[in-house]
Amino acid sequence: MDLDHAARCLEKLGHPTRLRIIRLLVRAGPDGLSVGTVQEHLGIPASTLSHHILHLVSAGLIGQERQGRILRCTANYPLLDSVVALLTEECCAGLTAGRKRAG
């Protein structure tokens, strides 16, 4: 995964409300949830929810699909998996003494 994209994803995830949205959508599974259902679960105003969803969609962390009058949100599992993998891919690989890694 590209470090710049990962940083952007992590930036968008760096807000408690956005983390709550992602966690809720992950719990919902691949079918996702309607925006109205997300709002009911989180108890936040529609305008606030729309603002946070826009951030998550712009980074590709969630997708949206219109089904008639319902707007359904789904977690982008492959991207979420890539972000987590980037953070853990070198776990326990060790370090070479005296060598600094650019990042």
PDB file of N, CA and C in Angstrom:
ATOM      1  N   MET A   1       0.845  -1.177   0.000  1.00  0.00           N
ATOM      2  CA  MET A   1       0.000   0.000   0.000  1.00  0.00           C
ATOM      3  C   MET A   1       0.886   1.234   0.000  1.00  0.00           C
ATOM      4  N   ASP A   2       0.514   2.218  -0.759  1.00  0.00           N
ATOM      5  CA  ASP A   2       1.211   3.492  -0.849  1.00  0.00           C
ATOM      6  C   ASP A   2       1.135   4.221   0.500  1.00  0.00           C
ATOM      7  N   LEU A   3       2.275   4.686   0.997  1.00  0.00           N
ATOM      8  CA  LEU A   3       2.308   5.351   2.305  1.00  0.00           C
ATOM      9  C   LEU A   3       1.455   6.617   2.341  1.00  0.00           C
ATOM     10  N   ASP A   4       1.420   7.364   1.251  1.00  0.00           N
ATOM     11  CA  ASP A   4       0.604   8.578   1.228  1.00  0.00           C
ATOM     12  C   ASP A   4      -0.881   8.250   1.354  1.00  0.00           C
ATOM     13  N   HIS A   5      -1.323   7.205   0.657  1.00  0.00           N
ATOM     14  CA  HIS A   5      -2.729   6.800   0.764  1.00  0.00           C
ATOM     15  C   HIS A   5      -3.034   6.281   2.167  1.00  0.00           C
ATOM     16  N   ALA A   6      -2.112   5.520   2.723  1.00  0.00           N
ATOM     17  CA  ALA A   6      -2.300   5.010   4.085  1.00  0.00           C
ATOM     18  C   ALA A   6      -2.402   6.162   5.075  1.00  0.00           C
ATOM     19  N   ALA A   7      -1.534   7.160   4.913  1.00  0.00           N
ATOM     20  CA  ALA A   7      -1.562   8.322   5.810  1.00  0.00           C
ATOM     21  C   ALA A   7      -2.888   9.061   5.687  1.00  0.00           C
ATOM     22  N   ARG A   8      -3.386   9.184   4.470  1.00  0.00           N
ATOM     23  CA  ARG A   8      -4.680   9.846   4.263  1.00  0.00           C
ATOM     24  C   ARG A   8      -5.802   9.057   4.927  1.00  0.00           C
ATOM     25  N   CYS A   9      -5.776   7.748   4.784  1.00  0.00           N
ATOM     26  CA  CYS A   9      -6.782   6.901   5.429  1.00  0.00           C
ATOM     27  C   CYS A   9      -6.724   7.045   6.943  1.00  0.00           C
ATOM     28  N   LEU A  10      -5.519   7.001   7.479  1.00  0.00           N
ATOM     29  CA  LEU A  10      -5.367   7.119   8.927  1.00  0.00           C
ATOM     30  C   LEU A  10      -5.801   8.493   9.419  1.00  0.00           C
ATOM     31  N   GLU A  11      -5.537   9.517   8.615  1.00  0.00           N
ATOM     32  CA  GLU A  11      -5.998  10.870   8.971  1.00  0.00           C
ATOM     33  C   GLU A  11      -7.523  10.895   9.064  1.00  0.00           C
ATOM     34  N   LYS A  12      -8.183  10.306   8.080  1.00  0.00           N
ATOM     35  CA  LYS A  12      -9.648  10.293   8.069  1.00  0.00           C
ATOM     36  C   LYS A  12     -10.207   9.446   9.205  1.00  0.00           C
ATOM     37  N   LEU A  13      -9.484   8.417   9.601  1.00  0.00           N
ATOM     38  CA  LEU A  13      -9.918   7.574  10.720  1.00  0.00           C
ATOM     39  C   LEU A  13      -9.614   8.209  12.074  1.00  0.00           C
ATOM     40  N   GLY A  14      -8.859   9.301  12.066  1.00  0.00           N
ATOM     41  CA  GLY A  14      -8.405   9.917  13.302  1.00  0.00           C
ATOM     42  C   GLY A  14      -9.431  10.800  13.982  1.00  0.00           C
ATOM     43  N   HIS A  15     -10.686  10.453  13.892  1.00  0.00           N
ATOM     44  CA  HIS A  15     -11.752  11.183  14.580  1.00  0.00           C
ATOM     45  C   HIS A  15     -12.675  10.154  15.221  1.00  0.00           C
ATOM     46  N   PRO A  16     -13.039  10.344  16.473  1.00  0.00           N
ATOM     47  CA  PRO A  16     -13.856   9.337  17.167  1.00  0.00           C
ATOM     48  C   PRO A  16     -15.164   8.987  16.454  1.00  0.00           C
ATOM     49  N   THR A  17     -15.832   9.971  15.890  1.00  0.00           N
ATOM     50  CA  THR A  17     -17.093   9.690  15.200  1.00  0.00           C
ATOM     51  C   THR A  17     -16.860   8.835  13.969  1.00  0.00           C
ATOM     52  N   ARG A  18     -15.799   9.114  13.231  1.00  0.00           N
ATOM     53  CA  ARG A  18     -15.501   8.319  12.035  1.00  0.00           C
ATOM     54  C   ARG A  18     -15.120   6.894  12.405  1.00  0.00           C
ATOM     55  N   LEU A  19     -14.391   6.747  13.488  1.00  0.00           N
ATOM     56  CA  LEU A  19     -14.067   5.395  13.955  1.00  0.00           C
ATOM     57  C   LEU A  19     -15.339   4.649  14.348  1.00  0.00           C
ATOM     58  N   ARG A  20     -16.262   5.350  14.987  1.00  0.00           N
ATOM     59  CA  ARG A  20     -17.530   4.713  15.366  1.00  0.00           C
ATOM     60  C   ARG A  20     -18.305   4.280  14.125  1.00  0.00           C
ATOM     61  N   ILE A  21     -18.299   5.104  13.076  1.00  0.00           N
ATOM     62  CA  ILE A  21     -18.990   4.750  11.831  1.00  0.00           C
ATOM     63  C   ILE A  21     -18.359   3.503  11.219  1.00  0.00           C
ATOM     64  N   ILE A  22     -17.024   3.497  11.106  1.00  0.00           N
ATOM     65  CA  ILE A  22     -16.328   2.346  10.512  1.00  0.00           C
ATOM     66  C   ILE A  22     -16.604   1.086  11.321  1.00  0.00           C
ATOM     67  N   ARG A  23     -16.481   1.172  12.626  1.00  0.00           N
ATOM     68  CA  ARG A  23     -16.706  -0.004  13.467  1.00  0.00           C
ATOM     69  C   ARG A  23     -18.133  -0.536  13.321  1.00  0.00           C
ATOM     70  N   LEU A  24     -19.092   0.382  13.241  1.00  0.00           N
ATOM     71  CA  LEU A  24     -20.485  -0.023  13.062  1.00  0.00           C
ATOM     72  C   LEU A  24     -20.680  -0.719  11.715  1.00  0.00           C
ATOM     73  N   LEU A  25     -20.094  -0.157  10.660  1.00  0.00           N
ATOM     74  CA  LEU A  25     -20.235  -0.766   9.338  1.00  0.00           C
ATOM     75  C   LEU A  25     -19.524  -2.109   9.260  1.00  0.00           C
ATOM     76  N   VAL A  26     -18.395  -2.241   9.914  1.00  0.00           N
ATOM     77  CA  VAL A  26     -17.699  -3.532   9.945  1.00  0.00           C
ATOM     78  C   VAL A  26     -18.562  -4.568  10.665  1.00  0.00           C
ATOM     79  N   ARG A  27     -19.174  -4.167  11.778  1.00  0.00           N
ATOM     80  CA  ARG A  27     -20.057  -5.092  12.507  1.00  0.00           C
ATOM     81  C   ARG A  27     -21.256  -5.495  11.654  1.00  0.00           C
ATOM     82  N   ALA A  28     -21.720  -4.579  10.802  1.00  0.00           N
ATOM     83  CA  ALA A  28     -22.898  -4.855   9.974  1.00  0.00           C
ATOM     84  C   ALA A  28     -22.610  -5.880   8.882  1.00  0.00           C
ATOM     85  N   GLY A  29     -21.349  -6.010   8.495  1.00  0.00           N
ATOM     86  CA  GLY A  29     -21.001  -6.985   7.467  1.00  0.00           C
ATOM     87  C   GLY A  29     -21.084  -6.404   6.071  1.00  0.00           C
ATOM     88  N   PRO A  30     -20.946  -7.262   5.067  1.00  0.00           N
ATOM     89  CA  PRO A  30     -20.848  -6.796   3.679  1.00  0.00           C
ATOM     90  C   PRO A  30     -22.101  -6.106   3.148  1.00  0.00           C
ATOM     91  N   ASP A  31     -23.251  -6.330   3.753  1.00  0.00           N
ATOM     92  CA  ASP A  31     -24.473  -5.655   3.298  1.00  0.00           C
ATOM     93  C   ASP A  31     -24.525  -4.201   3.738  1.00  0.00           C
ATOM     94  N   GLY A  32     -23.723  -3.843   4.732  1.00  0.00           N
ATOM     95  CA  GLY A  32     -23.685  -2.466   5.208  1.00  0.00           C
ATOM     96  C   GLY A  32     -24.968  -2.038   5.880  1.00  0.00           C
ATOM     97  N   LEU A  33     -25.136  -0.728   5.984  1.00  0.00           N
ATOM     98  CA  LEU A  33     -26.305  -0.140   6.641  1.00  0.00           C
ATOM     99  C   LEU A  33     -26.747   1.094   5.882  1.00  0.00           C
ATOM    100  N   SER A  34     -28.019   1.410   6.001  1.00  0.00           N
ATOM    101  CA  SER A  34     -28.499   2.666   5.440  1.00  0.00           C
ATOM    102  C   SER A  34     -27.972   3.809   6.304  1.00  0.00           C
ATOM    103  N   VAL A  35     -27.878   4.981   5.702  1.00  0.00           N
ATOM    104  CA  VAL A  35     -27.430   6.154   6.446  1.00  0.00           C
ATOM    105  C   VAL A  35     -28.352   6.403   7.642  1.00  0.00           C
ATOM    106  N   GLY A  36     -29.646   6.207   7.440  1.00  0.00           N
ATOM    107  CA  GLY A  36     -30.603   6.399   8.537  1.00  0.00           C
ATOM    108  C   GLY A  36     -30.356   5.458   9.700  1.00  0.00           C
ATOM    109  N   THR A  37     -30.008   4.219   9.391  1.00  0.00           N
ATOM    110  CA  THR A  37     -29.716   3.241  10.445  1.00  0.00           C
ATOM    111  C   THR A  37     -28.426   3.612  11.174  1.00  0.00           C
ATOM    112  N   VAL A  38     -27.424   4.065  10.437  1.00  0.00           N
ATOM    113  CA  VAL A  38     -26.180   4.521  11.069  1.00  0.00           C
ATOM    114  C   VAL A  38     -26.491   5.671  12.015  1.00  0.00           C
ATOM    115  N   GLN A  39     -27.318   6.605  11.559  1.00  0.00           N
ATOM    116  CA  GLN A  39     -27.683   7.746  12.393  1.00  0.00           C
ATOM    117  C   GLN A  39     -28.406   7.302  13.662  1.00  0.00           C
ATOM    118  N   GLU A  40     -29.317   6.353  13.535  1.00  0.00           N
ATOM    119  CA  GLU A  40     -30.040   5.832  14.705  1.00  0.00           C
ATOM    120  C   GLU A  40     -29.079   5.224  15.719  1.00  0.00           C
ATOM    121  N   HIS A  41     -28.130   4.439  15.250  1.00  0.00           N
ATOM    122  CA  HIS A  41     -27.187   3.777  16.148  1.00  0.00           C
ATOM    123  C   HIS A  41     -26.251   4.765  16.836  1.00  0.00           C
ATOM    124  N   LEU A  42     -25.840   5.796  16.116  1.00  0.00           N
ATOM    125  CA  LEU A  42     -24.864   6.734  16.671  1.00  0.00           C
ATOM    126  C   LEU A  42     -25.512   7.912  17.377  1.00  0.00           C
ATOM    127  N   GLY A  43     -26.755   8.198  17.064  1.00  0.00           N
ATOM    128  CA  GLY A  43     -27.465   9.290  17.720  1.00  0.00           C
ATOM    129  C   GLY A  43     -26.860  10.661  17.453  1.00  0.00           C
ATOM    130  N   ILE A  44     -26.471  10.910  16.208  1.00  0.00           N
ATOM    131  CA  ILE A  44     -25.902  12.204  15.855  1.00  0.00           C
ATOM    132  C   ILE A  44     -26.770  12.850  14.770  1.00  0.00           C
ATOM    133  N   PRO A  45     -26.727  14.188  14.669  1.00  0.00           N
ATOM    134  CA  PRO A  45     -27.523  14.859  13.644  1.00  0.00           C
ATOM    135  C   PRO A  45     -27.126  14.422  12.238  1.00  0.00           C
ATOM    136  N   ALA A  46     -28.101  14.451  11.331  1.00  0.00           N
ATOM    137  CA  ALA A  46     -27.870  14.018   9.945  1.00  0.00           C
ATOM    138  C   ALA A  46     -26.758  14.818   9.286  1.00  0.00           C
ATOM    139  N   SER A  47     -26.707  16.115   9.530  1.00  0.00           N
ATOM    140  CA  SER A  47     -25.674  16.946   8.892  1.00  0.00           C
ATOM    141  C   SER A  47     -24.281  16.570   9.391  1.00  0.00           C
ATOM    142  N   THR A  48     -24.166  16.262  10.662  1.00  0.00           N
ATOM    143  CA  THR A  48     -22.881  15.839  11.226  1.00  0.00           C
ATOM    144  C   THR A  48     -22.465  14.498  10.638  1.00  0.00           C
ATOM    145  N   LEU A  49     -23.411  13.580  10.543  1.00  0.00           N
ATOM    146  CA  LEU A  49     -23.123  12.269   9.977  1.00  0.00           C
ATOM    147  C   LEU A  49     -22.687  12.404   8.518  1.00  0.00           C
ATOM    148  N   SER A  50     -23.387  13.212   7.748  1.00  0.00           N
ATOM    149  CA  SER A  50     -23.030  13.414   6.343  1.00  0.00           C
ATOM    150  C   SER A  50     -21.612  13.944   6.198  1.00  0.00           C
ATOM    151  N   HIS A  51     -21.249  14.873   7.069  1.00  0.00           N
ATOM    152  CA  HIS A  51     -19.894  15.442   7.053  1.00  0.00           C
ATOM    153  C   HIS A  51     -18.846  14.344   7.253  1.00  0.00           C
ATOM    154  N   HIS A  52     -19.048  13.496   8.237  1.00  0.00           N
ATOM    155  CA  HIS A  52     -18.078  12.445   8.538  1.00  0.00           C
ATOM    156  C   HIS A  52     -18.071  11.351   7.470  1.00  0.00           C
ATOM    157  N   ILE A  53     -19.235  11.005   6.954  1.00  0.00           N
ATOM    158  CA  ILE A  53     -19.303  10.008   5.880  1.00  0.00           C
ATOM    159  C   ILE A  53     -18.549  10.511   4.656  1.00  0.00           C
ATOM    160  N   LEU A  54     -18.686  11.790   4.342  1.00  0.00           N
ATOM    161  CA  LEU A  54     -17.984  12.369   3.192  1.00  0.00           C
ATOM    162  C   LEU A  54     -16.472  12.177   3.318  1.00  0.00           C
ATOM    163  N   HIS A  55     -15.929  12.384   4.515  1.00  0.00           N
ATOM    164  CA  HIS A  55     -14.495  12.176   4.740  1.00  0.00           C
ATOM    165  C   HIS A  55     -14.106  10.721   4.489  1.00  0.00           C
ATOM    166  N   LEU A  56     -14.905   9.791   4.975  1.00  0.00           N
ATOM    167  CA  LEU A  56     -14.600   8.374   4.816  1.00  0.00           C
ATOM    168  C   LEU A  56     -14.725   7.928   3.365  1.00  0.00           C
ATOM    169  N   VAL A  57     -15.723   8.445   2.666  1.00  0.00           N
ATOM    170  CA  VAL A  57     -15.897   8.121   1.251  1.00  0.00           C
ATOM    171  C   VAL A  57     -14.743   8.694   0.436  1.00  0.00           C
ATOM    172  N   SER A  58     -14.313   9.925   0.760  1.00  0.00           N
ATOM    173  CA  SER A  58     -13.242  10.566  -0.021  1.00  0.00           C
ATOM    174  C   SER A  58     -11.933   9.791   0.058  1.00  0.00           C
ATOM    175  N   ALA A  59     -11.712   9.085   1.157  1.00  0.00           N
ATOM    176  CA  ALA A  59     -10.499   8.271   1.298  1.00  0.00           C
ATOM    177  C   ALA A  59     -10.713   6.849   0.781  1.00  0.00           C
ATOM    178  N   GLY A  60     -11.942   6.523   0.398  1.00  0.00           N
ATOM    179  CA  GLY A  60     -12.240   5.184  -0.102  1.00  0.00           C
ATOM    180  C   GLY A  60     -12.478   4.159   0.991  1.00  0.00           C
ATOM    181  N   LEU A  61     -12.576   4.604   2.238  1.00  0.00           N
ATOM    182  CA  LEU A  61     -12.746   3.674   3.355  1.00  0.00           C
ATOM    183  C   LEU A  61     -14.143   3.073   3.410  1.00  0.00           C
ATOM    184  N   ILE A  62     -15.118   3.802   2.906  1.00  0.00           N
ATOM    185  CA  ILE A  62     -16.466   3.254   2.801  1.00  0.00           C
ATOM    186  C   ILE A  62     -17.009   3.581   1.413  1.00  0.00           C
ATOM    187  N   GLY A  63     -17.959   2.785   0.998  1.00  0.00           N
ATOM    188  CA  GLY A  63     -18.639   3.023  -0.257  1.00  0.00           C
ATOM    189  C   GLY A  63     -20.092   3.324   0.007  1.00  0.00           C
ATOM    190  N   GLN A  64     -20.731   3.946  -0.954  1.00  0.00           N
ATOM    191  CA  GLN A  64     -22.154   4.238  -0.848  1.00  0.00           C
ATOM    192  C   GLN A  64     -22.847   3.788  -2.117  1.00  0.00           C
ATOM    193  N   GLU A  65     -24.058   3.280  -1.940  1.00  0.00           N
ATOM    194  CA  GLU A  65     -24.858   2.836  -3.077  1.00  0.00           C
ATOM    195  C   GLU A  65     -26.300   3.249  -2.818  1.00  0.00           C
ATOM    196  N   ARG A  66     -26.885   3.889  -3.810  1.00  0.00           N
ATOM    197  CA  ARG A  66     -28.282   4.278  -3.688  1.00  0.00           C
ATOM    198  C   ARG A  66     -29.152   3.111  -4.107  1.00  0.00           C
ATOM    199  N   GLN A  67     -30.114   2.800  -3.238  1.00  0.00           N
ATOM    200  CA  GLN A  67     -31.095   1.743  -3.506  1.00  0.00           C
ATOM    201  C   GLN A  67     -32.476   2.373  -3.375  1.00  0.00           C
ATOM    202  N   GLY A  68     -32.955   2.946  -4.483  1.00  0.00           N
ATOM    203  CA  GLY A  68     -34.211   3.693  -4.423  1.00  0.00           C
ATOM    204  C   GLY A  68     -33.997   4.958  -3.619  1.00  0.00           C
ATOM    205  N   ARG A  69     -34.742   5.092  -2.547  1.00  0.00           N
ATOM    206  CA  ARG A  69     -34.611   6.277  -1.686  1.00  0.00           C
ATOM    207  C   ARG A  69     -33.606   6.076  -0.558  1.00  0.00           C
ATOM    208  N   ILE A  70     -33.046   4.891  -0.469  1.00  0.00           N
ATOM    209  CA  ILE A  70     -32.122   4.561   0.623  1.00  0.00           C
ATOM    210  C   ILE A  70     -30.678   4.660   0.137  1.00  0.00           C
ATOM    211  N   LEU A  71     -29.860   5.311   0.932  1.00  0.00           N
ATOM    212  CA  LEU A  71     -28.423   5.378   0.651  1.00  0.00           C
ATOM    213  C   LEU A  71     -27.731   4.425   1.613  1.00  0.00           C
ATOM    214  N   ARG A  72     -27.109   3.372   1.053  1.00  0.00           N
ATOM    215  CA  ARG A  72     -26.492   2.325   1.864  1.00  0.00           C
ATOM    216  C   ARG A  72     -24.986   2.514   1.878  1.00  0.00           C
ATOM    217  N   CYS A  73     -24.407   2.413   3.074  1.00  0.00           N
ATOM    218  CA  CYS A  73     -22.958   2.533   3.258  1.00  0.00           C
ATOM    219  C   CYS A  73     -22.379   1.165   3.575  1.00  0.00           C
ATOM    220  N   THR A  74     -21.217   0.884   2.995  1.00  0.00           N
ATOM    221  CA  THR A  74     -20.518  -0.367   3.271  1.00  0.00           C
ATOM    222  C   THR A  74     -19.047  -0.086   3.527  1.00  0.00           C
ATOM    223  N   ALA A  75     -18.463  -0.868   4.396  1.00  0.00           N
ATOM    224  CA  ALA A  75     -17.030  -0.753   4.673  1.00  0.00           C
ATOM    225  C   ALA A  75     -16.255  -1.315   3.488  1.00  0.00           C
ATOM    226  N   ASN A  76     -15.139  -0.685   3.177  1.00  0.00           N
ATOM    227  CA  ASN A  76     -14.237  -1.176   2.125  1.00  0.00           C
ATOM    228  C   ASN A  76     -13.224  -2.098   2.818  1.00  0.00           C
ATOM    229  N   TYR A  77     -13.599  -3.351   2.973  1.00  0.00           N
ATOM    230  CA  TYR A  77     -12.765  -4.305   3.708  1.00  0.00           C
ATOM    231  C   TYR A  77     -11.357  -4.461   3.139  1.00  0.00           C
ATOM    232  N   PRO A  78     -11.187  -4.567   1.821  1.00  0.00           N
ATOM    233  CA  PRO A  78      -9.818  -4.701   1.302  1.00  0.00           C
ATOM    234  C   PRO A  78      -8.924  -3.512   1.678  1.00  0.00           C
ATOM    235  N   LEU A  79      -9.466  -2.300   1.613  1.00  0.00           N
ATOM    236  CA  LEU A  79      -8.658  -1.136   1.972  1.00  0.00           C
ATOM    237  C   LEU A  79      -8.362  -1.115   3.463  1.00  0.00           C
ATOM    238  N   LEU A  80      -9.358  -1.399   4.288  1.00  0.00           N
ATOM    239  CA  LEU A  80      -9.136  -1.447   5.736  1.00  0.00           C
ATOM    240  C   LEU A  80      -8.088  -2.506   6.077  1.00  0.00           C
ATOM    241  N   ASP A  81      -8.165  -3.653   5.418  1.00  0.00           N
ATOM    242  CA  ASP A  81      -7.174  -4.709   5.641  1.00  0.00           C
ATOM    243  C   ASP A  81      -5.777  -4.238   5.233  1.00  0.00           C
ATOM    244  N   SER A  82      -5.685  -3.492   4.138  1.00  0.00           N
ATOM    245  CA  SER A  82      -4.389  -2.989   3.670  1.00  0.00           C
ATOM    246  C   SER A  82      -3.775  -2.002   4.650  1.00  0.00           C
ATOM    247  N   VAL A  83      -4.611  -1.148   5.230  1.00  0.00           N
ATOM    248  CA  VAL A  83      -4.112  -0.172   6.207  1.00  0.00           C
ATOM    249  C   VAL A  83      -3.562  -0.898   7.433  1.00  0.00           C
ATOM    250  N   VAL A  84      -4.317  -1.866   7.928  1.00  0.00           N
ATOM    251  CA  VAL A  84      -3.859  -2.628   9.097  1.00  0.00           C
ATOM    252  C   VAL A  84      -2.597  -3.412   8.752  1.00  0.00           C
ATOM    253  N   ALA A  85      -2.564  -4.014   7.574  1.00  0.00           N
ATOM    254  CA  ALA A  85      -1.393  -4.793   7.162  1.00  0.00           C
ATOM    255  C   ALA A  85      -0.151  -3.913   7.065  1.00  0.00           C
ATOM    256  N   LEU A  86      -0.314  -2.703   6.567  1.00  0.00           N
ATOM    257  CA  LEU A  86       0.825  -1.795   6.475  1.00  0.00           C
ATOM    258  C   LEU A  86       1.412  -1.520   7.860  1.00  0.00           C
ATOM    259  N   LEU A  87       0.544  -1.396   8.843  1.00  0.00           N
ATOM    260  CA  LEU A  87       1.004  -1.099  10.198  1.00  0.00           C
ATOM    261  C   LEU A  87       1.690  -2.286  10.860  1.00  0.00           C
ATOM    262  N   THR A  88       1.339  -3.486  10.438  1.00  0.00           N
ATOM    263  CA  THR A  88       1.845  -4.670  11.133  1.00  0.00           C
ATOM    264  C   THR A  88       2.762  -5.559  10.287  1.00  0.00           C
ATOM    265  N   GLU A  89       2.971  -5.212   9.010  1.00  0.00           N
ATOM    266  CA  GLU A  89       3.681  -6.126   8.116  1.00  0.00           C
ATOM    267  C   GLU A  89       5.127  -6.412   8.518  1.00  0.00           C
ATOM    268  N   GLU A  90       5.755  -5.536   9.235  1.00  0.00           N
ATOM    269  CA  GLU A  90       7.142  -5.772   9.628  1.00  0.00           C
ATOM    270  C   GLU A  90       7.267  -6.113  11.111  1.00  0.00           C
ATOM    271  N   CYS A  91       6.178  -6.592  11.667  1.00  0.00           N
ATOM    272  CA  CYS A  91       6.170  -6.949  13.087  1.00  0.00           C
ATOM    273  C   CYS A  91       7.265  -7.971  13.389  1.00  0.00           C
ATOM    274  N   CYS A  92       8.026  -7.678  14.394  1.00  0.00           N
ATOM    275  CA  CYS A  92       9.037  -8.592  14.918  1.00  0.00           C
ATOM    276  C   CYS A  92      10.136  -8.920  13.913  1.00  0.00           C
ATOM    277  N   ALA A  93      10.325  -8.080  12.896  1.00  0.00           N
ATOM    278  CA  ALA A  93      11.352  -8.323  11.884  1.00  0.00           C
ATOM    279  C   ALA A  93      12.736  -7.934  12.375  1.00  0.00           C
ATOM    280  N   GLY A  94      12.765  -7.203  13.464  1.00  0.00           N
ATOM    281  CA  GLY A  94      14.052  -6.770  14.004  1.00  0.00           C
ATOM    282  C   GLY A  94      14.574  -5.539  13.313  1.00  0.00           C
ATOM    283  N   LEU A  95      15.564  -4.946  13.910  1.00  0.00           N
ATOM    284  CA  LEU A  95      16.190  -3.741  13.365  1.00  0.00           C
ATOM    285  C   LEU A  95      17.685  -3.970  13.236  1.00  0.00           C
ATOM    286  N   THR A  96      18.273  -3.339  12.253  1.00  0.00           N
ATOM    287  CA  THR A  96      19.719  -3.365  12.123  1.00  0.00           C
ATOM    288  C   THR A  96      20.263  -2.262  13.004  1.00  0.00           C
ATOM    289  N   ALA A  97      21.177  -2.575  13.887  1.00  0.00           N
ATOM    290  CA  ALA A  97      21.728  -1.591  14.825  1.00  0.00           C
ATOM    291  C   ALA A  97      22.334  -0.419  14.078  1.00  0.00           C
ATOM    292  N   GLY A  98      21.995   0.788  14.537  1.00  0.00           N
ATOM    293  CA  GLY A  98      22.581   1.999  13.998  1.00  0.00           C
ATOM    294  C   GLY A  98      22.025   2.442  12.671  1.00  0.00           C
ATOM    295  N   ARG A  99      21.094   1.721  12.114  1.00  0.00           N
ATOM    296  CA  ARG A  99      20.531   2.098  10.819  1.00  0.00           C
ATOM    297  C   ARG A  99      19.135   2.670  11.017  1.00  0.00           C
ATOM    298  N   LYS A 100      18.929   3.868  10.492  1.00  0.00           N
ATOM    299  CA  LYS A 100      17.614   4.496  10.593  1.00  0.00           C
ATOM    300  C   LYS A 100      16.886   4.326   9.274  1.00  0.00           C
ATOM    301  N   ARG A 101      15.593   4.086   9.368  1.00  0.00           N
ATOM    302  CA  ARG A 101      14.771   3.952   8.157  1.00  0.00           C
ATOM    303  C   ARG A 101      14.066   5.243   7.882  1.00  0.00           C
ATOM    304  N   ALA A 102      14.084   5.653   6.637  1.00  0.00           N
ATOM    305  CA  ALA A 102      13.319   6.835   6.223  1.00  0.00           C
ATOM    306  C   ALA A 102      11.884   6.442   6.092  1.00  0.00           C
ATOM    307  N   GLY A 103      10.990   7.311   6.431  1.00  0.00           N
ATOM    308  CA  GLY A 103       9.608   6.932   6.300  1.00  0.00           C
ATOM    309  C   GLY A 103       8.752   8.057   6.148  1.00  0.00           C
TER     310      GLY A 103
END
